[in-house]
Amino acid sequence: MADAKEILIVVPAEEAEALRTAVASGDYASADEIMHEALRDWQDKRHAQTADATRLRRKWQEGLASGQPEPLDLDAIKAKGRDILVRRRSGTGG
């Protein structure tokens, strides 16, 4: 790491013990390695959340741009779903 910075992170005793145990068992070479992995996972999660929010905003805008909503006939939708299910179970398509 060419541009590494040292910081102090305080964790509860249970987490500190979990770090020591993971290193002692050989699962990780050091607590630093665990922290790097945890930070990568955290960053991946944040990026995914941002992407999800972006997709949701885009879908919302697409919905708004699609025009006036039309009423749904829930009974017809359910009937169509039941028909598809019956055909799939009988092997005639779906």
PDB file of N, CA and C in Angstrom:
ATOM      1  N   MET A   1       0.835  -1.170   0.000  1.00  0.00           N
ATOM      2  CA  MET A   1       0.000   0.000   0.000  1.00  0.00           C
ATOM      3  C   MET A   1       0.883   1.237   0.000  1.00  0.00           C
ATOM      4  N   ALA A   2       0.937   1.897  -1.108  1.00  0.00           N
ATOM      5  CA  ALA A   2       1.821   3.042  -1.262  1.00  0.00           C
ATOM      6  C   ALA A   2       1.392   4.226  -0.407  1.00  0.00           C
ATOM      7  N   ASP A   3       0.099   4.452  -0.284  1.00  0.00           N
ATOM      8  CA  ASP A   3      -0.385   5.636   0.416  1.00  0.00           C
ATOM      9  C   ASP A   3      -1.230   5.242   1.617  1.00  0.00           C
ATOM     10  N   ALA A   4      -0.725   4.336   2.441  1.00  0.00           N
ATOM     11  CA  ALA A   4      -1.475   3.850   3.597  1.00  0.00           C
ATOM     12  C   ALA A   4      -1.444   4.872   4.722  1.00  0.00           C
ATOM     13  N   LYS A   5      -2.547   4.965   5.428  1.00  0.00           N
ATOM     14  CA  LYS A   5      -2.663   5.844   6.590  1.00  0.00           C
ATOM     15  C   LYS A   5      -3.019   4.988   7.790  1.00  0.00           C
ATOM     16  N   GLU A   6      -2.412   5.283   8.917  1.00  0.00           N
ATOM     17  CA  GLU A   6      -2.700   4.539  10.132  1.00  0.00           C
ATOM     18  C   GLU A   6      -3.793   5.261  10.905  1.00  0.00           C
ATOM     19  N   ILE A   7      -4.809   4.486  11.333  1.00  0.00           N
ATOM     20  CA  ILE A   7      -5.863   5.029  12.182  1.00  0.00           C
ATOM     21  C   ILE A   7      -6.105   4.058  13.328  1.00  0.00           C
ATOM     22  N   LEU A   8      -6.659   4.560  14.398  1.00  0.00           N
ATOM     23  CA  LEU A   8      -6.984   3.736  15.554  1.00  0.00           C
ATOM     24  C   LEU A   8      -8.479   3.453  15.528  1.00  0.00           C
ATOM     25  N   ILE A   9      -8.825   2.173  15.631  1.00  0.00           N
ATOM     26  CA  ILE A   9     -10.228   1.773  15.673  1.00  0.00           C
ATOM     27  C   ILE A   9     -10.465   1.057  16.993  1.00  0.00           C
ATOM     28  N   VAL A  10     -11.450   1.512  17.734  1.00  0.00           N
ATOM     29  CA  VAL A  10     -11.788   0.897  19.016  1.00  0.00           C
ATOM     30  C   VAL A  10     -13.010   0.014  18.794  1.00  0.00           C
ATOM     31  N   VAL A  11     -12.904  -1.252  19.212  1.00  0.00           N
ATOM     32  CA  VAL A  11     -14.007  -2.201  19.064  1.00  0.00           C
ATOM     33  C   VAL A  11     -14.334  -2.795  20.428  1.00  0.00           C
ATOM     34  N   PRO A  12     -15.553  -3.288  20.592  1.00  0.00           N
ATOM     35  CA  PRO A  12     -15.904  -3.959  21.848  1.00  0.00           C
ATOM     36  C   PRO A  12     -15.006  -5.180  22.079  1.00  0.00           C
ATOM     37  N   ALA A  13     -14.894  -5.584  23.321  1.00  0.00           N
ATOM     38  CA  ALA A  13     -14.017  -6.697  23.696  1.00  0.00           C
ATOM     39  C   ALA A  13     -14.334  -7.966  22.914  1.00  0.00           C
ATOM     40  N   GLU A  14     -15.625  -8.245  22.683  1.00  0.00           N
ATOM     41  CA  GLU A  14     -16.002  -9.466  21.958  1.00  0.00           C
ATOM     42  C   GLU A  14     -15.469  -9.432  20.528  1.00  0.00           C
ATOM     43  N   GLU A  15     -15.543  -8.264  19.893  1.00  0.00           N
ATOM     44  CA  GLU A  15     -15.052  -8.150  18.521  1.00  0.00           C
ATOM     45  C   GLU A  15     -13.529  -8.241  18.477  1.00  0.00           C
ATOM     46  N   ALA A  16     -12.868  -7.663  19.470  1.00  0.00           N
ATOM     47  CA  ALA A  16     -11.407  -7.758  19.535  1.00  0.00           C
ATOM     48  C   ALA A  16     -10.988  -9.214  19.686  1.00  0.00           C
ATOM     49  N   GLU A  17     -11.711  -9.951  20.517  1.00  0.00           N
ATOM     50  CA  GLU A  17     -11.401 -11.373  20.704  1.00  0.00           C
ATOM     51  C   GLU A  17     -11.660 -12.149  19.420  1.00  0.00           C
ATOM     52  N   ALA A  18     -12.726 -11.816  18.711  1.00  0.00           N
ATOM     53  CA  ALA A  18     -13.020 -12.479  17.438  1.00  0.00           C
ATOM     54  C   ALA A  18     -11.903 -12.221  16.431  1.00  0.00           C
ATOM     55  N   LEU A  19     -11.377 -11.000  16.404  1.00  0.00           N
ATOM     56  CA  LEU A  19     -10.240 -10.688  15.525  1.00  0.00           C
ATOM     57  C   LEU A  19      -9.031 -11.539  15.889  1.00  0.00           C
ATOM     58  N   ARG A  20      -8.702 -11.570  17.187  1.00  0.00           N
ATOM     59  CA  ARG A  20      -7.536 -12.355  17.632  1.00  0.00           C
ATOM     60  C   ARG A  20      -7.713 -13.833  17.303  1.00  0.00           C
ATOM     61  N   THR A  21      -8.915 -14.354  17.506  1.00  0.00           N
ATOM     62  CA  THR A  21      -9.187 -15.765  17.230  1.00  0.00           C
ATOM     63  C   THR A  21      -9.033 -16.074  15.746  1.00  0.00           C
ATOM     64  N   ALA A  22      -9.544 -15.197  14.895  1.00  0.00           N
ATOM     65  CA  ALA A  22      -9.438 -15.411  13.445  1.00  0.00           C
ATOM     66  C   ALA A  22      -7.984 -15.412  12.993  1.00  0.00           C
ATOM     67  N   VAL A  23      -7.175 -14.544  13.571  1.00  0.00           N
ATOM     68  CA  VAL A  23      -5.748 -14.498  13.213  1.00  0.00           C
ATOM     69  C   VAL A  23      -5.040 -15.728  13.776  1.00  0.00           C
ATOM     70  N   ALA A  24      -5.315 -16.074  15.031  1.00  0.00           N
ATOM     71  CA  ALA A  24      -4.656 -17.222  15.663  1.00  0.00           C
ATOM     72  C   ALA A  24      -4.988 -18.528  14.958  1.00  0.00           C
ATOM     73  N   SER A  25      -6.201 -18.630  14.409  1.00  0.00           N
ATOM     74  CA  SER A  25      -6.603 -19.861  13.726  1.00  0.00           C
ATOM     75  C   SER A  25      -5.994 -19.972  12.334  1.00  0.00           C
ATOM     76  N   GLY A  26      -5.414 -18.880  11.859  1.00  0.00           N
ATOM     77  CA  GLY A  26      -4.815 -18.895  10.529  1.00  0.00           C
ATOM     78  C   GLY A  26      -5.774 -18.496   9.424  1.00  0.00           C
ATOM     79  N   ASP A  27      -7.008 -18.162   9.790  1.00  0.00           N
ATOM     80  CA  ASP A  27      -7.967 -17.720   8.772  1.00  0.00           C
ATOM     81  C   ASP A  27      -7.512 -16.419   8.119  1.00  0.00           C
ATOM     82  N   TYR A  28      -6.840 -15.590   8.886  1.00  0.00           N
ATOM     83  CA  TYR A  28      -6.313 -14.317   8.396  1.00  0.00           C
ATOM     84  C   TYR A  28      -4.879 -14.168   8.877  1.00  0.00           C
ATOM     85  N   ALA A  29      -4.083 -13.438   8.107  1.00  0.00           N
ATOM     86  CA  ALA A  29      -2.686 -13.214   8.482  1.00  0.00           C
ATOM     87  C   ALA A  29      -2.565 -12.160   9.571  1.00  0.00           C
ATOM     88  N   SER A  30      -3.509 -11.227   9.615  1.00  0.00           N
ATOM     89  CA  SER A  30      -3.435 -10.144  10.596  1.00  0.00           C
ATOM     90  C   SER A  30      -4.807  -9.505  10.773  1.00  0.00           C
ATOM     91  N   ALA A  31      -4.917  -8.726  11.849  1.00  0.00           N
ATOM     92  CA  ALA A  31      -6.148  -7.968  12.060  1.00  0.00           C
ATOM     93  C   ALA A  31      -6.325  -6.941  10.940  1.00  0.00           C
ATOM     94  N   ASP A  32      -5.220  -6.420  10.424  1.00  0.00           N
ATOM     95  CA  ASP A  32      -5.299  -5.486   9.293  1.00  0.00           C
ATOM     96  C   ASP A  32      -5.996  -6.132   8.103  1.00  0.00           C
ATOM     97  N   GLU A  33      -5.663  -7.394   7.835  1.00  0.00           N
ATOM     98  CA  GLU A  33      -6.282  -8.096   6.709  1.00  0.00           C
ATOM     99  C   GLU A  33      -7.801  -8.202   6.914  1.00  0.00           C
ATOM    100  N   ILE A  34      -8.213  -8.478   8.140  1.00  0.00           N
ATOM    101  CA  ILE A  34      -9.641  -8.563   8.451  1.00  0.00           C
ATOM    102  C   ILE A  34     -10.306  -7.210   8.227  1.00  0.00           C
ATOM    103  N   MET A  35      -9.665  -6.158   8.697  1.00  0.00           N
ATOM    104  CA  MET A  35     -10.234  -4.821   8.545  1.00  0.00           C
ATOM    105  C   MET A  35     -10.319  -4.419   7.075  1.00  0.00           C
ATOM    106  N   HIS A  36      -9.303  -4.767   6.286  1.00  0.00           N
ATOM    107  CA  HIS A  36      -9.344  -4.465   4.849  1.00  0.00           C
ATOM    108  C   HIS A  36     -10.532  -5.173   4.193  1.00  0.00           C
ATOM    109  N   GLU A  37     -10.714  -6.453   4.538  1.00  0.00           N
ATOM    110  CA  GLU A  37     -11.839  -7.205   3.970  1.00  0.00           C
ATOM    111  C   GLU A  37     -13.173  -6.598   4.407  1.00  0.00           C
ATOM    112  N   ALA A  38     -13.268  -6.240   5.681  1.00  0.00           N
ATOM    113  CA  ALA A  38     -14.505  -5.642   6.190  1.00  0.00           C
ATOM    114  C   ALA A  38     -14.801  -4.315   5.484  1.00  0.00           C
ATOM    115  N   LEU A  39     -13.774  -3.512   5.267  1.00  0.00           N
ATOM    116  CA  LEU A  39     -13.974  -2.236   4.581  1.00  0.00           C
ATOM    117  C   LEU A  39     -14.373  -2.434   3.128  1.00  0.00           C
ATOM    118  N   ARG A  40     -13.764  -3.422   2.463  1.00  0.00           N
ATOM    119  CA  ARG A  40     -14.153  -3.715   1.076  1.00  0.00           C
ATOM    120  C   ARG A  40     -15.619  -4.141   1.024  1.00  0.00           C
ATOM    121  N   ASP A  41     -16.019  -5.020   1.951  1.00  0.00           N
ATOM    122  CA  ASP A  41     -17.419  -5.464   1.999  1.00  0.00           C
ATOM    123  C   ASP A  41     -18.355  -4.286   2.254  1.00  0.00           C
ATOM    124  N   TRP A  42     -17.971  -3.401   3.171  1.00  0.00           N
ATOM    125  CA  TRP A  42     -18.768  -2.224   3.496  1.00  0.00           C
ATOM    126  C   TRP A  42     -18.901  -1.316   2.276  1.00  0.00           C
ATOM    127  N   GLN A  43     -17.777  -1.099   1.581  1.00  0.00           N
ATOM    128  CA  GLN A  43     -17.818  -0.258   0.382  1.00  0.00           C
ATOM    129  C   GLN A  43     -18.687  -0.892  -0.701  1.00  0.00           C
ATOM    130  N   ASP A  44     -18.554  -2.200  -0.886  1.00  0.00           N
ATOM    131  CA  ASP A  44     -19.392  -2.899  -1.874  1.00  0.00           C
ATOM    132  C   ASP A  44     -20.873  -2.730  -1.534  1.00  0.00           C
ATOM    133  N   LYS A  45     -21.206  -2.866  -0.253  1.00  0.00           N
ATOM    134  CA  LYS A  45     -22.595  -2.719   0.190  1.00  0.00           C
ATOM    135  C   LYS A  45     -23.100  -1.305  -0.083  1.00  0.00           C
ATOM    136  N   ARG A  46     -22.279  -0.300   0.214  1.00  0.00           N
ATOM    137  CA  ARG A  46     -22.678   1.094  -0.033  1.00  0.00           C
ATOM    138  C   ARG A  46     -22.872   1.353  -1.520  1.00  0.00           C
ATOM    139  N   HIS A  47     -21.971   0.818  -2.351  1.00  0.00           N
ATOM    140  CA  HIS A  47     -22.115   0.989  -3.798  1.00  0.00           C
ATOM    141  C   HIS A  47     -23.403   0.324  -4.289  1.00  0.00           C
ATOM    142  N   ALA A  48     -23.691  -0.866  -3.763  1.00  0.00           N
ATOM    143  CA  ALA A  48     -24.914  -1.575  -4.162  1.00  0.00           C
ATOM    144  C   ALA A  48     -26.151  -0.786  -3.742  1.00  0.00           C
ATOM    145  N   GLN A  49     -26.125  -0.213  -2.538  1.00  0.00           N
ATOM    146  CA  GLN A  49     -27.262   0.583  -2.075  1.00  0.00           C
ATOM    147  C   GLN A  49     -27.459   1.807  -2.963  1.00  0.00           C
ATOM    148  N   THR A  50     -26.360   2.441  -3.342  1.00  0.00           N
ATOM    149  CA  THR A  50     -26.445   3.604  -4.225  1.00  0.00           C
ATOM    150  C   THR A  50     -27.020   3.198  -5.574  1.00  0.00           C
ATOM    151  N   ALA A  51     -26.547   2.068  -6.101  1.00  0.00           N
ATOM    152  CA  ALA A  51     -27.048   1.586  -7.393  1.00  0.00           C
ATOM    153  C   ALA A  51     -28.531   1.242  -7.291  1.00  0.00           C
ATOM    154  N   ASP A  52     -28.934   0.612  -6.182  1.00  0.00           N
ATOM    155  CA  ASP A  52     -30.350   0.277  -5.985  1.00  0.00           C
ATOM    156  C   ASP A  52     -31.207   1.539  -5.936  1.00  0.00           C
ATOM    157  N   ALA A  53     -30.730   2.552  -5.214  1.00  0.00           N
ATOM    158  CA  ALA A  53     -31.483   3.802  -5.118  1.00  0.00           C
ATOM    159  C   ALA A  53     -31.590   4.474  -6.481  1.00  0.00           C
ATOM    160  N   THR A  54     -30.517   4.417  -7.254  1.00  0.00           N
ATOM    161  CA  THR A  54     -30.524   5.001  -8.597  1.00  0.00           C
ATOM    162  C   THR A  54     -31.525   4.277  -9.486  1.00  0.00           C
ATOM    163  N   ARG A  55     -31.514   2.931  -9.435  1.00  0.00           N
ATOM    164  CA  ARG A  55     -32.474   2.145 -10.223  1.00  0.00           C
ATOM    165  C   ARG A  55     -33.905   2.460  -9.807  1.00  0.00           C
ATOM    166  N   LEU A  56     -34.141   2.580  -8.507  1.00  0.00           N
ATOM    167  CA  LEU A  56     -35.483   2.881  -8.010  1.00  0.00           C
ATOM    168  C   LEU A  56     -35.947   4.255  -8.496  1.00  0.00           C
ATOM    169  N   ARG A  57     -35.062   5.248  -8.427  1.00  0.00           N
ATOM    170  CA  ARG A  57     -35.424   6.585  -8.922  1.00  0.00           C
ATOM    171  C   ARG A  57     -35.754   6.545 -10.411  1.00  0.00           C
ATOM    172  N   ARG A  58     -34.938   5.810 -11.177  1.00  0.00           N
ATOM    173  CA  ARG A  58     -35.165   5.711 -12.620  1.00  0.00           C
ATOM    174  C   ARG A  58     -36.513   5.040 -12.900  1.00  0.00           C
ATOM    175  N   LYS A  59     -36.794   3.944 -12.194  1.00  0.00           N
ATOM    176  CA  LYS A  59     -38.072   3.247 -12.386  1.00  0.00           C
ATOM    177  C   LYS A  59     -39.245   4.142 -11.976  1.00  0.00           C
ATOM    178  N   TRP A  60     -39.065   4.909 -10.917  1.00  0.00           N
ATOM    179  CA  TRP A  60     -40.112   5.834 -10.477  1.00  0.00           C
ATOM    180  C   TRP A  60     -40.401   6.850 -11.578  1.00  0.00           C
ATOM    181  N   GLN A  61     -39.328   7.410 -12.140  1.00  0.00           N
ATOM    182  CA  GLN A  61     -39.492   8.390 -13.215  1.00  0.00           C
ATOM    183  C   GLN A  61     -40.129   7.755 -14.449  1.00  0.00           C
ATOM    184  N   GLU A  62     -39.735   6.523 -14.777  1.00  0.00           N
ATOM    185  CA  GLU A  62     -40.350   5.819 -15.907  1.00  0.00           C
ATOM    186  C   GLU A  62     -41.846   5.635 -15.661  1.00  0.00           C
ATOM    187  N   GLY A  63     -42.191   5.297 -14.430  1.00  0.00           N
ATOM    188  CA  GLY A  63     -43.600   5.123 -14.088  1.00  0.00           C
ATOM    189  C   GLY A  63     -44.375   6.420 -14.232  1.00  0.00           C
ATOM    190  N   LEU A  64     -43.795   7.512 -13.751  1.00  0.00           N
ATOM    191  CA  LEU A  64     -44.458   8.806 -13.880  1.00  0.00           C
ATOM    192  C   LEU A  64     -44.623   9.200 -15.345  1.00  0.00           C
ATOM    193  N   ALA A  65     -43.608   8.886 -16.155  1.00  0.00           N
ATOM    194  CA  ALA A  65     -43.634   9.267 -17.567  1.00  0.00           C
ATOM    195  C   ALA A  65     -44.540   8.363 -18.403  1.00  0.00           C
ATOM    196  N   SER A  66     -44.955   7.235 -17.847  1.00  0.00           N
ATOM    197  CA  SER A  66     -45.727   6.272 -18.638  1.00  0.00           C
ATOM    198  C   SER A  66     -47.191   6.673 -18.820  1.00  0.00           C
ATOM    199  N   GLY A  67     -47.595   7.738 -18.177  1.00  0.00           N
ATOM    200  CA  GLY A  67     -48.968   8.206 -18.369  1.00  0.00           C
ATOM    201  C   GLY A  67     -49.853   7.901 -17.187  1.00  0.00           C
ATOM    202  N   GLN A  68     -51.128   8.124 -17.412  1.00  0.00           N
ATOM    203  CA  GLN A  68     -52.119   7.925 -16.363  1.00  0.00           C
ATOM    204  C   GLN A  68     -52.258   6.443 -16.027  1.00  0.00           C
ATOM    205  N   PRO A  69     -52.377   6.133 -14.751  1.00  0.00           N
ATOM    206  CA  PRO A  69     -52.597   4.734 -14.377  1.00  0.00           C
ATOM    207  C   PRO A  69     -53.985   4.279 -14.803  1.00  0.00           C
ATOM    208  N   GLU A  70     -54.080   3.008 -15.063  1.00  0.00           N
ATOM    209  CA  GLU A  70     -55.372   2.423 -15.420  1.00  0.00           C
ATOM    210  C   GLU A  70     -55.801   1.504 -14.291  1.00  0.00           C
ATOM    211  N   PRO A  71     -57.101   1.407 -14.052  1.00  0.00           N
ATOM    212  CA  PRO A  71     -57.560   0.512 -12.982  1.00  0.00           C
ATOM    213  C   PRO A  71     -57.219  -0.940 -13.306  1.00  0.00           C
ATOM    214  N   LEU A  72     -56.915  -1.677 -12.255  1.00  0.00           N
ATOM    215  CA  LEU A  72     -56.602  -3.096 -12.415  1.00  0.00           C
ATOM    216  C   LEU A  72     -57.822  -3.928 -12.059  1.00  0.00           C
ATOM    217  N   ASP A  73     -58.045  -4.965 -12.837  1.00  0.00           N
ATOM    218  CA  ASP A  73     -59.098  -5.925 -12.532  1.00  0.00           C
ATOM    219  C   ASP A  73     -58.426  -7.086 -11.806  1.00  0.00           C
ATOM    220  N   LEU A  74     -58.370  -6.989 -10.480  1.00  0.00           N
ATOM    221  CA  LEU A  74     -57.661  -7.996  -9.696  1.00  0.00           C
ATOM    222  C   LEU A  74     -58.249  -9.387  -9.864  1.00  0.00           C
ATOM    223  N   ASP A  75     -59.541  -9.491 -10.016  1.00  0.00           N
ATOM    224  CA  ASP A  75     -60.155 -10.807 -10.217  1.00  0.00           C
ATOM    225  C   ASP A  75     -59.664 -11.432 -11.518  1.00  0.00           C
ATOM    226  N   ALA A  76     -59.553 -10.634 -12.574  1.00  0.00           N
ATOM    227  CA  ALA A  76     -59.063 -11.145 -13.862  1.00  0.00           C
ATOM    228  C   ALA A  76     -57.591 -11.543 -13.763  1.00  0.00           C
ATOM    229  N   ILE A  77     -56.808 -10.755 -13.037  1.00  0.00           N
ATOM    230  CA  ILE A  77     -55.388 -11.077 -12.868  1.00  0.00           C
ATOM    231  C   ILE A  77     -55.236 -12.392 -12.111  1.00  0.00           C
ATOM    232  N   LYS A  78     -56.003 -12.552 -11.033  1.00  0.00           N
ATOM    233  CA  LYS A  78     -55.947 -13.796 -10.254  1.00  0.00           C
ATOM    234  C   LYS A  78     -56.389 -14.986 -11.093  1.00  0.00           C
ATOM    235  N   ALA A  79     -57.446 -14.813 -11.870  1.00  0.00           N
ATOM    236  CA  ALA A  79     -57.947 -15.903 -12.718  1.00  0.00           C
ATOM    237  C   ALA A  79     -56.892 -16.307 -13.738  1.00  0.00           C
ATOM    238  N   LYS A  80     -56.231 -15.332 -14.332  1.00  0.00           N
ATOM    239  CA  LYS A  80     -55.182 -15.634 -15.309  1.00  0.00           C
ATOM    240  C   LYS A  80     -54.037 -16.388 -14.632  1.00  0.00           C
ATOM    241  N   GLY A  81     -53.667 -15.962 -13.436  1.00  0.00           N
ATOM    242  CA  GLY A  81     -52.610 -16.644 -12.697  1.00  0.00           C
ATOM    243  C   GLY A  81     -52.979 -18.080 -12.364  1.00  0.00           C
ATOM    244  N   ARG A  82     -54.218 -18.288 -11.934  1.00  0.00           N
ATOM    245  CA  ARG A  82     -54.673 -19.650 -11.634  1.00  0.00           C
ATOM    246  C   ARG A  82     -54.674 -20.507 -12.890  1.00  0.00           C
ATOM    247  N   ASP A  83     -55.078 -19.934 -14.017  1.00  0.00           N
ATOM    248  CA  ASP A  83     -55.089 -20.658 -15.288  1.00  0.00           C
ATOM    249  C   ASP A  83     -53.670 -21.070 -15.681  1.00  0.00           C
ATOM    250  N   ILE A  84     -52.728 -20.158 -15.541  1.00  0.00           N
ATOM    251  CA  ILE A  84     -51.323 -20.474 -15.859  1.00  0.00           C
ATOM    252  C   ILE A  84     -50.826 -21.595 -14.957  1.00  0.00           C
ATOM    253  N   LEU A  85     -51.140 -21.513 -13.673  1.00  0.00           N
ATOM    254  CA  LEU A  85     -50.710 -22.534 -12.722  1.00  0.00           C
ATOM    255  C   LEU A  85     -51.287 -23.900 -13.077  1.00  0.00           C
ATOM    256  N   VAL A  86     -52.564 -23.947 -13.430  1.00  0.00           N
ATOM    257  CA  VAL A  86     -53.207 -25.211 -13.810  1.00  0.00           C
ATOM    258  C   VAL A  86     -52.525 -25.793 -15.038  1.00  0.00           C
ATOM    259  N   ARG A  87     -52.260 -24.946 -16.040  1.00  0.00           N
ATOM    260  CA  ARG A  87     -51.617 -25.442 -17.264  1.00  0.00           C
ATOM    261  C   ARG A  87     -50.203 -25.945 -16.991  1.00  0.00           C
ATOM    262  N   ARG A  88     -49.475 -25.260 -16.132  1.00  0.00           N
ATOM    263  CA  ARG A  88     -48.111 -25.714 -15.805  1.00  0.00           C
ATOM    264  C   ARG A  88     -48.146 -27.061 -15.089  1.00  0.00           C
ATOM    265  N   ARG A  89     -49.074 -27.188 -14.169  1.00  0.00           N
ATOM    266  CA  ARG A  89     -49.175 -28.444 -13.421  1.00  0.00           C
ATOM    267  C   ARG A  89     -49.618 -29.598 -14.309  1.00  0.00           C
ATOM    268  N   SER A  90     -50.418 -29.290 -15.320  1.00  0.00           N
ATOM    269  CA  SER A  90     -50.894 -30.353 -16.212  1.00  0.00           C
ATOM    270  C   SER A  90     -49.911 -30.613 -17.349  1.00  0.00           C
ATOM    271  N   GLY A  91     -48.886 -29.773 -17.449  1.00  0.00           N
ATOM    272  CA  GLY A  91     -47.873 -29.971 -18.485  1.00  0.00           C
ATOM    273  C   GLY A  91     -48.260 -29.449 -19.846  1.00  0.00           C
ATOM    274  N   THR A  92     -49.254 -28.570 -19.914  1.00  0.00           N
ATOM    275  CA  THR A  92     -49.684 -28.051 -21.219  1.00  0.00           C
ATOM    276  C   THR A  92     -49.179 -26.636 -21.480  1.00  0.00           C
ATOM    277  N   GLY A  93     -48.169 -26.219 -20.760  1.00  0.00           N
ATOM    278  CA  GLY A  93     -47.588 -24.900 -21.028  1.00  0.00           C
ATOM    279  C   GLY A  93     -47.836 -23.925 -19.910  1.00  0.00           C
ATOM    280  N   GLY A  94     -47.603 -22.660 -20.239  1.00  0.00           N
ATOM    281  CA  GLY A  94     -47.831 -21.668 -19.206  1.00  0.00           C
ATOM    282  C   GLY A  94     -47.079 -20.500 -19.425  1.00  0.00           C
TER     283      GLY A  94
END
